[in-house]
N, C-alpha and C. Protein backbone atom coordinates (compact mmCIF):
# COMPACT_ATOMS: atom_id res chain seq x y z
N MET A 1 111.08 160.88 -104.80
CA MET A 1 111.23 161.81 -103.70
C MET A 1 112.02 161.13 -102.59
N ARG A 2 113.05 161.79 -102.13
CA ARG A 2 113.88 161.23 -101.06
C ARG A 2 113.16 161.32 -99.72
N ARG A 3 113.63 160.52 -98.78
CA ARG A 3 113.03 160.49 -97.45
C ARG A 3 113.07 161.86 -96.78
N SER A 4 114.20 162.55 -96.87
CA SER A 4 114.31 163.87 -96.24
C SER A 4 113.33 164.86 -96.86
N GLN A 5 113.04 164.71 -98.13
CA GLN A 5 112.08 165.59 -98.79
C GLN A 5 110.65 165.28 -98.32
N ARG A 6 110.34 164.00 -98.19
CA ARG A 6 109.01 163.63 -97.68
C ARG A 6 108.83 164.13 -96.25
N LEU A 7 109.86 163.98 -95.42
CA LEU A 7 109.78 164.46 -94.04
C LEU A 7 109.65 165.98 -93.98
N LEU A 8 110.41 166.66 -94.83
CA LEU A 8 110.34 168.12 -94.87
C LEU A 8 108.94 168.57 -95.27
N ALA A 9 108.40 167.97 -96.33
CA ALA A 9 107.05 168.32 -96.77
C ALA A 9 106.04 168.05 -95.67
N GLY A 10 106.13 166.88 -95.05
CA GLY A 10 105.20 166.53 -93.99
C GLY A 10 105.30 167.45 -92.79
N PHE A 11 106.54 167.80 -92.42
CA PHE A 11 106.74 168.70 -91.29
C PHE A 11 106.01 170.02 -91.51
N TRP A 12 106.22 170.62 -92.68
CA TRP A 12 105.63 171.93 -92.95
C TRP A 12 104.13 171.85 -93.13
N LEU A 13 103.63 170.77 -93.73
CA LEU A 13 102.18 170.62 -93.88
C LEU A 13 101.51 170.48 -92.51
N VAL A 14 102.06 169.64 -91.65
CA VAL A 14 101.50 169.47 -90.30
C VAL A 14 101.61 170.76 -89.50
N ALA A 15 102.75 171.41 -89.57
CA ALA A 15 102.93 172.66 -88.83
C ALA A 15 101.92 173.71 -89.29
N GLY A 16 101.70 173.80 -90.59
CA GLY A 16 100.75 174.78 -91.11
C GLY A 16 99.33 174.49 -90.68
N VAL A 17 98.91 173.25 -90.78
CA VAL A 17 97.55 172.86 -90.38
C VAL A 17 97.36 173.12 -88.89
N ASN A 18 98.41 172.91 -88.12
CA ASN A 18 98.34 173.11 -86.68
C ASN A 18 97.97 174.55 -86.31
N HIS A 19 98.32 175.50 -87.16
CA HIS A 19 97.96 176.90 -86.91
C HIS A 19 96.44 177.08 -86.88
N PHE A 20 95.72 176.23 -87.60
CA PHE A 20 94.27 176.32 -87.65
C PHE A 20 93.60 175.44 -86.59
N LEU A 21 94.31 174.43 -86.12
CA LEU A 21 93.76 173.56 -85.09
C LEU A 21 93.90 174.15 -83.69
N VAL A 22 95.03 174.80 -83.42
CA VAL A 22 95.28 175.41 -82.10
C VAL A 22 95.80 176.84 -82.28
N PRO A 23 95.01 177.72 -82.86
CA PRO A 23 95.50 179.07 -83.15
C PRO A 23 95.91 179.86 -81.92
N ARG A 24 95.28 179.61 -80.80
CA ARG A 24 95.61 180.40 -79.60
C ARG A 24 97.04 180.17 -79.14
N GLN A 25 97.57 178.97 -79.35
CA GLN A 25 98.97 178.72 -78.98
C GLN A 25 99.89 179.62 -79.79
N TYR A 26 99.58 179.80 -81.04
CA TYR A 26 100.42 180.63 -81.90
C TYR A 26 100.20 182.11 -81.63
N GLU A 27 98.97 182.48 -81.36
CA GLU A 27 98.68 183.88 -81.02
C GLU A 27 99.42 184.29 -79.76
N ALA A 28 99.54 183.37 -78.82
CA ALA A 28 100.19 183.67 -77.54
C ALA A 28 101.67 183.96 -77.67
N ILE A 29 102.30 183.46 -78.72
CA ILE A 29 103.75 183.68 -78.86
C ILE A 29 104.08 184.86 -79.76
N MET A 30 103.06 185.49 -80.31
CA MET A 30 103.30 186.62 -81.21
C MET A 30 103.79 187.83 -80.41
N PRO A 31 104.83 188.49 -80.88
CA PRO A 31 105.27 189.71 -80.21
C PRO A 31 104.15 190.75 -80.20
N PRO A 32 104.05 191.54 -79.16
CA PRO A 32 102.96 192.51 -79.06
C PRO A 32 102.95 193.55 -80.18
N TYR A 33 104.10 193.82 -80.77
CA TYR A 33 104.15 194.83 -81.84
C TYR A 33 103.62 194.33 -83.17
N VAL A 34 103.36 193.03 -83.28
CA VAL A 34 102.80 192.48 -84.51
C VAL A 34 101.28 192.68 -84.47
N PRO A 35 100.72 193.34 -85.49
CA PRO A 35 99.27 193.58 -85.47
C PRO A 35 98.49 192.33 -85.90
N ALA A 36 97.22 192.34 -85.60
CA ALA A 36 96.28 191.33 -86.09
C ALA A 36 96.79 189.91 -85.86
N HIS A 37 96.96 189.56 -84.61
CA HIS A 37 97.54 188.26 -84.27
C HIS A 37 96.82 187.08 -84.94
N ARG A 38 95.51 187.05 -84.85
CA ARG A 38 94.77 185.92 -85.44
C ARG A 38 95.02 185.82 -86.94
N GLU A 39 94.96 186.94 -87.62
CA GLU A 39 95.17 186.94 -89.06
C GLU A 39 96.61 186.56 -89.42
N MET A 40 97.55 186.99 -88.62
CA MET A 40 98.95 186.64 -88.87
C MET A 40 99.20 185.16 -88.64
N VAL A 41 98.53 184.60 -87.65
CA VAL A 41 98.65 183.16 -87.40
C VAL A 41 98.07 182.40 -88.59
N GLN A 42 96.95 182.83 -89.09
CA GLN A 42 96.34 182.19 -90.26
C GLN A 42 97.25 182.33 -91.48
N LEU A 43 97.78 183.51 -91.68
CA LEU A 43 98.67 183.75 -92.82
C LEU A 43 99.93 182.88 -92.72
N SER A 44 100.50 182.79 -91.52
CA SER A 44 101.70 181.95 -91.38
C SER A 44 101.35 180.47 -91.54
N GLY A 45 100.15 180.09 -91.13
CA GLY A 45 99.71 178.71 -91.34
C GLY A 45 99.60 178.39 -92.83
N VAL A 46 99.01 179.29 -93.59
CA VAL A 46 98.92 179.10 -95.04
C VAL A 46 100.31 179.07 -95.65
N ALA A 47 101.19 179.95 -95.19
CA ALA A 47 102.56 179.99 -95.73
C ALA A 47 103.28 178.67 -95.48
N GLU A 48 103.05 178.07 -94.32
CA GLU A 48 103.70 176.79 -94.01
C GLU A 48 103.10 175.65 -94.82
N ILE A 49 101.80 175.69 -95.06
CA ILE A 49 101.17 174.67 -95.90
C ILE A 49 101.70 174.79 -97.33
N VAL A 50 101.82 176.01 -97.83
CA VAL A 50 102.39 176.22 -99.17
C VAL A 50 103.82 175.69 -99.21
N ALA A 51 104.58 175.91 -98.15
CA ALA A 51 105.96 175.42 -98.09
C ALA A 51 106.00 173.91 -98.23
N GLY A 52 105.17 173.23 -97.46
CA GLY A 52 105.15 171.77 -97.52
C GLY A 52 104.70 171.25 -98.87
N ALA A 53 103.67 171.87 -99.41
CA ALA A 53 103.16 171.43 -100.72
C ALA A 53 104.18 171.69 -101.82
N ALA A 54 104.94 172.76 -101.71
CA ALA A 54 105.93 173.10 -102.75
C ALA A 54 107.12 172.16 -102.76
N VAL A 55 107.37 171.47 -101.67
CA VAL A 55 108.47 170.52 -101.62
C VAL A 55 108.15 169.27 -102.44
N ILE A 56 106.89 168.95 -102.57
CA ILE A 56 106.49 167.68 -103.18
C ILE A 56 106.84 167.57 -104.67
N PRO A 57 106.40 168.50 -105.52
CA PRO A 57 106.75 168.34 -106.95
C PRO A 57 108.20 168.74 -107.24
N ASP A 58 108.84 167.99 -108.09
CA ASP A 58 110.21 168.32 -108.50
C ASP A 58 110.30 169.74 -109.06
N ALA A 59 109.26 170.14 -109.79
CA ALA A 59 109.29 171.42 -110.49
C ALA A 59 109.32 172.63 -109.56
N THR A 60 108.82 172.48 -108.34
CA THR A 60 108.80 173.63 -107.42
C THR A 60 109.75 173.47 -106.24
N ARG A 61 110.34 172.31 -106.10
CA ARG A 61 111.14 172.03 -104.91
C ARG A 61 112.31 173.00 -104.77
N ARG A 62 113.18 173.07 -105.77
CA ARG A 62 114.36 173.91 -105.63
C ARG A 62 114.10 175.37 -105.96
N PRO A 63 113.44 175.66 -107.05
CA PRO A 63 113.33 177.08 -107.38
C PRO A 63 112.38 177.84 -106.45
N PHE A 64 111.43 177.16 -105.83
CA PHE A 64 110.45 177.88 -105.02
C PHE A 64 110.47 177.46 -103.55
N ALA A 65 110.31 176.17 -103.29
CA ALA A 65 110.17 175.70 -101.91
C ALA A 65 111.36 176.11 -101.04
N ARG A 66 112.55 175.97 -101.59
CA ARG A 66 113.76 176.31 -100.82
C ARG A 66 113.68 177.74 -100.30
N TRP A 67 113.43 178.67 -101.17
CA TRP A 67 113.44 180.09 -100.79
C TRP A 67 112.20 180.46 -99.98
N TRP A 68 111.09 179.80 -100.29
CA TRP A 68 109.87 180.05 -99.52
C TRP A 68 110.07 179.62 -98.07
N ILE A 69 110.63 178.44 -97.85
CA ILE A 69 110.86 177.95 -96.49
C ILE A 69 111.84 178.86 -95.75
N LEU A 70 112.90 179.26 -96.41
CA LEU A 70 113.85 180.17 -95.76
C LEU A 70 113.17 181.49 -95.39
N GLY A 71 112.29 181.96 -96.25
CA GLY A 71 111.54 183.18 -95.94
C GLY A 71 110.59 183.00 -94.77
N VAL A 72 109.93 181.86 -94.72
CA VAL A 72 109.01 181.59 -93.61
C VAL A 72 109.80 181.51 -92.30
N LEU A 73 110.93 180.84 -92.33
CA LEU A 73 111.76 180.76 -91.11
C LEU A 73 112.18 182.15 -90.64
N ALA A 74 112.55 183.01 -91.58
CA ALA A 74 112.92 184.38 -91.21
C ALA A 74 111.71 185.14 -90.65
N ALA A 75 110.54 184.90 -91.23
CA ALA A 75 109.35 185.61 -90.79
C ALA A 75 108.88 185.21 -89.39
N VAL A 76 109.08 183.95 -89.03
CA VAL A 76 108.63 183.50 -87.71
C VAL A 76 109.72 183.65 -86.63
N PHE A 77 110.92 183.99 -87.04
CA PHE A 77 112.01 184.13 -86.07
C PHE A 77 111.69 185.16 -84.97
N PRO A 78 111.06 186.29 -85.29
CA PRO A 78 110.74 187.24 -84.20
C PRO A 78 109.87 186.63 -83.10
N ALA A 79 108.99 185.72 -83.43
CA ALA A 79 108.17 185.09 -82.39
C ALA A 79 109.04 184.23 -81.48
N ASN A 80 109.98 183.49 -82.06
CA ASN A 80 110.89 182.68 -81.25
C ASN A 80 111.80 183.55 -80.40
N LEU A 81 112.27 184.64 -80.97
CA LEU A 81 113.11 185.57 -80.22
C LEU A 81 112.31 186.21 -79.08
N HIS A 82 111.08 186.59 -79.36
CA HIS A 82 110.21 187.16 -78.33
C HIS A 82 110.05 186.19 -77.16
N MET A 83 109.87 184.93 -77.48
CA MET A 83 109.72 183.92 -76.42
C MET A 83 110.99 183.80 -75.58
N ALA A 84 112.14 183.79 -76.25
CA ALA A 84 113.41 183.65 -75.52
C ALA A 84 113.69 184.87 -74.64
N LEU A 85 113.30 186.04 -75.11
CA LEU A 85 113.55 187.26 -74.35
C LEU A 85 112.52 187.52 -73.26
N ASN A 86 111.42 186.80 -73.30
CA ASN A 86 110.35 186.98 -72.31
C ASN A 86 109.91 185.64 -71.72
N PRO A 87 110.84 184.92 -71.11
CA PRO A 87 110.51 183.58 -70.60
C PRO A 87 109.42 183.58 -69.53
N ASP A 88 109.28 184.69 -68.82
CA ASP A 88 108.25 184.78 -67.78
C ASP A 88 106.85 184.69 -68.37
N GLN A 89 106.69 184.99 -69.64
CA GLN A 89 105.38 184.91 -70.30
C GLN A 89 105.04 183.48 -70.74
N PHE A 90 106.02 182.59 -70.65
CA PHE A 90 105.83 181.21 -71.11
C PHE A 90 106.29 180.23 -70.03
N PRO A 91 105.65 180.27 -68.87
CA PRO A 91 106.12 179.47 -67.73
C PRO A 91 106.03 177.96 -67.94
N LYS A 92 105.21 177.50 -68.88
CA LYS A 92 105.08 176.06 -69.10
C LYS A 92 106.21 175.49 -69.95
N ILE A 93 107.00 176.37 -70.55
CA ILE A 93 108.10 175.93 -71.40
C ILE A 93 109.41 176.18 -70.65
N PRO A 94 110.24 175.17 -70.50
CA PRO A 94 111.52 175.39 -69.80
C PRO A 94 112.34 176.49 -70.50
N ARG A 95 112.98 177.30 -69.70
CA ARG A 95 113.75 178.43 -70.22
C ARG A 95 114.78 177.98 -71.26
N TRP A 96 115.46 176.86 -71.00
CA TRP A 96 116.47 176.39 -71.94
C TRP A 96 115.84 176.08 -73.30
N ALA A 97 114.60 175.56 -73.28
CA ALA A 97 113.94 175.22 -74.55
C ALA A 97 113.64 176.47 -75.37
N LEU A 98 113.36 177.56 -74.69
CA LEU A 98 113.09 178.81 -75.41
C LEU A 98 114.34 179.30 -76.15
N TYR A 99 115.50 179.07 -75.55
CA TYR A 99 116.75 179.48 -76.19
C TYR A 99 117.19 178.50 -77.28
N VAL A 100 116.92 177.24 -77.06
CA VAL A 100 117.32 176.22 -78.04
C VAL A 100 116.55 176.39 -79.35
N ARG A 101 115.36 176.94 -79.27
CA ARG A 101 114.55 177.16 -80.48
C ARG A 101 115.26 178.06 -81.49
N LEU A 102 116.07 178.97 -81.01
CA LEU A 102 116.72 179.93 -81.92
C LEU A 102 117.71 179.26 -82.86
N PRO A 103 118.71 178.53 -82.36
CA PRO A 103 119.63 177.87 -83.29
C PRO A 103 118.99 176.71 -84.06
N ILE A 104 117.91 176.16 -83.51
CA ILE A 104 117.23 175.08 -84.23
C ILE A 104 116.69 175.60 -85.56
N GLN A 105 116.31 176.86 -85.59
CA GLN A 105 115.83 177.42 -86.86
C GLN A 105 116.93 177.39 -87.92
N LEU A 106 118.18 177.55 -87.50
CA LEU A 106 119.28 177.43 -88.46
C LEU A 106 119.39 176.00 -88.98
N LEU A 107 119.16 175.04 -88.11
CA LEU A 107 119.17 173.64 -88.54
C LEU A 107 118.02 173.36 -89.51
N PHE A 108 116.85 173.95 -89.25
CA PHE A 108 115.73 173.80 -90.18
C PHE A 108 116.07 174.41 -91.54
N ALA A 109 116.76 175.54 -91.52
CA ALA A 109 117.17 176.18 -92.78
C ALA A 109 118.14 175.28 -93.54
N LEU A 110 119.08 174.69 -92.84
CA LEU A 110 120.03 173.78 -93.48
C LEU A 110 119.31 172.55 -94.03
N TRP A 111 118.38 172.02 -93.26
CA TRP A 111 117.59 170.89 -93.72
C TRP A 111 116.83 171.25 -95.01
N ALA A 112 116.19 172.40 -95.02
CA ALA A 112 115.44 172.83 -96.20
C ALA A 112 116.37 172.99 -97.40
N TRP A 113 117.52 173.58 -97.17
CA TRP A 113 118.49 173.79 -98.26
C TRP A 113 118.91 172.45 -98.87
N ARG A 114 119.30 171.53 -97.99
CA ARG A 114 119.78 170.25 -98.49
C ARG A 114 118.68 169.38 -99.10
N ALA A 115 117.52 169.40 -98.48
CA ALA A 115 116.43 168.55 -98.98
C ALA A 115 115.85 169.05 -100.30
N THR A 116 116.06 170.32 -100.60
CA THR A 116 115.52 170.85 -101.85
C THR A 116 116.53 170.80 -102.99
N GLU A 117 117.70 170.22 -102.74
CA GLU A 117 118.64 169.95 -103.82
C GLU A 117 118.15 168.70 -104.54
N ASP A 118 118.23 168.72 -105.84
CA ASP A 118 117.77 167.54 -106.59
C ASP A 118 118.87 166.55 -106.81
């Protein structure tokens, strides 16, 4: 397993577990139109844990982990967009950081794509 693959797996595993350690932080960034915030945070946490775990074995890295991670990034993008469009709701986060999160997701997608190549 390459270093970038280990880092990718670790990133997603830690991010997913974090949904269960501090769920209120994630609930707070959910757009109001998304129902069942707590359940969605739990579901996205499980999805991120699955993403990290799928990167580890060679057998699931490219055929599954790659597309799963890209799907998770697409699924959480509305929360990042909501934050950028409503900076007044997130006064503890600098406004520039809310906007930087959007293109960073593209970098995460590129990282996932490259790290899941064998």
